[in-house]
């Protein structure tokens, strides 16, 4: 792998719960708060639309 290639990993340094949003932010070059807000909004109407994808990503994305 080249030096400029990014891997999707859960963040150890920028985490509030499991590092999923921090890892997504690093991977896409965006603020992790964007992903946190999206998951929060998806969690509002009953919780499952935001919680299930977050848990799946927590399990699927390897840690740093």
Protein backbone atom coordinates (compact mmCIF):
# COMPACT_ATOMS: atom_id res chain seq x y z
CA UNK A 1 0.00 0.00 0.00
CA UNK A 2 1.17 3.48 -0.80
CA UNK A 3 1.78 6.21 1.69
CA UNK A 4 -1.23 8.28 0.63
CA UNK A 5 -3.79 5.47 0.92
CA UNK A 6 -6.26 5.61 3.79
CA UNK A 7 -7.83 2.64 5.52
CA UNK A 8 -11.15 2.81 7.26
CA UNK A 9 -10.43 2.26 10.94
CA UNK A 10 -12.15 3.18 14.19
CA UNK A 11 -10.33 6.10 15.77
CA UNK A 12 -8.58 5.75 19.11
CA UNK A 13 -7.80 9.43 19.49
CA UNK A 14 -11.09 10.99 18.33
CA UNK A 15 -13.77 8.92 19.99
CA UNK A 16 -16.77 9.47 22.17
CA UNK A 17 -18.12 5.92 22.26
CA UNK A 18 -16.46 3.43 19.93
CA UNK A 19 -14.51 5.62 17.51
CA UNK A 20 -16.79 4.92 14.55
CA UNK A 21 -17.53 8.58 13.76
CA UNK A 22 -13.91 9.59 14.33
CA UNK A 23 -12.77 6.89 11.92
CA UNK A 24 -15.35 7.87 9.30
CA UNK A 25 -14.29 11.50 9.66
CA UNK A 26 -10.62 10.65 9.15
CA UNK A 27 -11.40 8.40 6.19
CA UNK A 28 -13.57 10.93 4.35
CA UNK A 29 -11.61 13.99 5.44
CA UNK A 30 -14.61 15.51 7.24
CA UNK A 31 -15.30 16.50 10.80
CA UNK A 32 -16.42 13.54 12.91
CA UNK A 33 -19.16 15.81 14.29
CA UNK A 34 -20.92 15.60 10.93
CA UNK A 35 -21.24 11.83 11.33
CA UNK A 36 -22.18 12.17 15.01
CA UNK A 37 -25.00 14.55 14.12
CA UNK A 38 -26.22 12.26 11.32
CA UNK A 39 -26.31 9.24 13.66
CA UNK A 40 -28.04 11.36 16.32
CA UNK A 41 -30.71 12.54 13.86
CA UNK A 42 -31.24 8.97 12.62
CA UNK A 43 -31.60 7.80 16.21
CA UNK A 44 -34.36 10.27 17.09
CA UNK A 45 -37.39 8.61 15.43
CA UNK A 46 -37.44 5.48 17.57
CA UNK A 47 -33.70 4.91 17.71
CA UNK A 48 -33.26 1.89 15.45
CA UNK A 49 -32.49 3.71 12.16
CA UNK A 50 -29.36 5.22 13.74
CA UNK A 51 -28.38 2.69 16.38
CA UNK A 52 -28.33 -0.42 14.20
CA UNK A 53 -26.00 1.01 11.51
CA UNK A 54 -23.70 2.39 14.24
CA UNK A 55 -23.49 -1.00 15.95
CA UNK A 56 -22.89 -2.75 12.61
CA UNK A 57 -20.09 -0.31 11.77
CA UNK A 58 -18.66 -0.79 15.27
CA UNK A 59 -18.45 -4.55 14.62
CA UNK A 60 -17.30 -4.35 10.97
CA UNK A 61 -14.69 -1.54 11.09
CA UNK A 62 -11.46 -2.70 12.71
CA UNK A 63 -9.81 -0.57 15.39
CA UNK A 64 -6.53 1.28 14.88
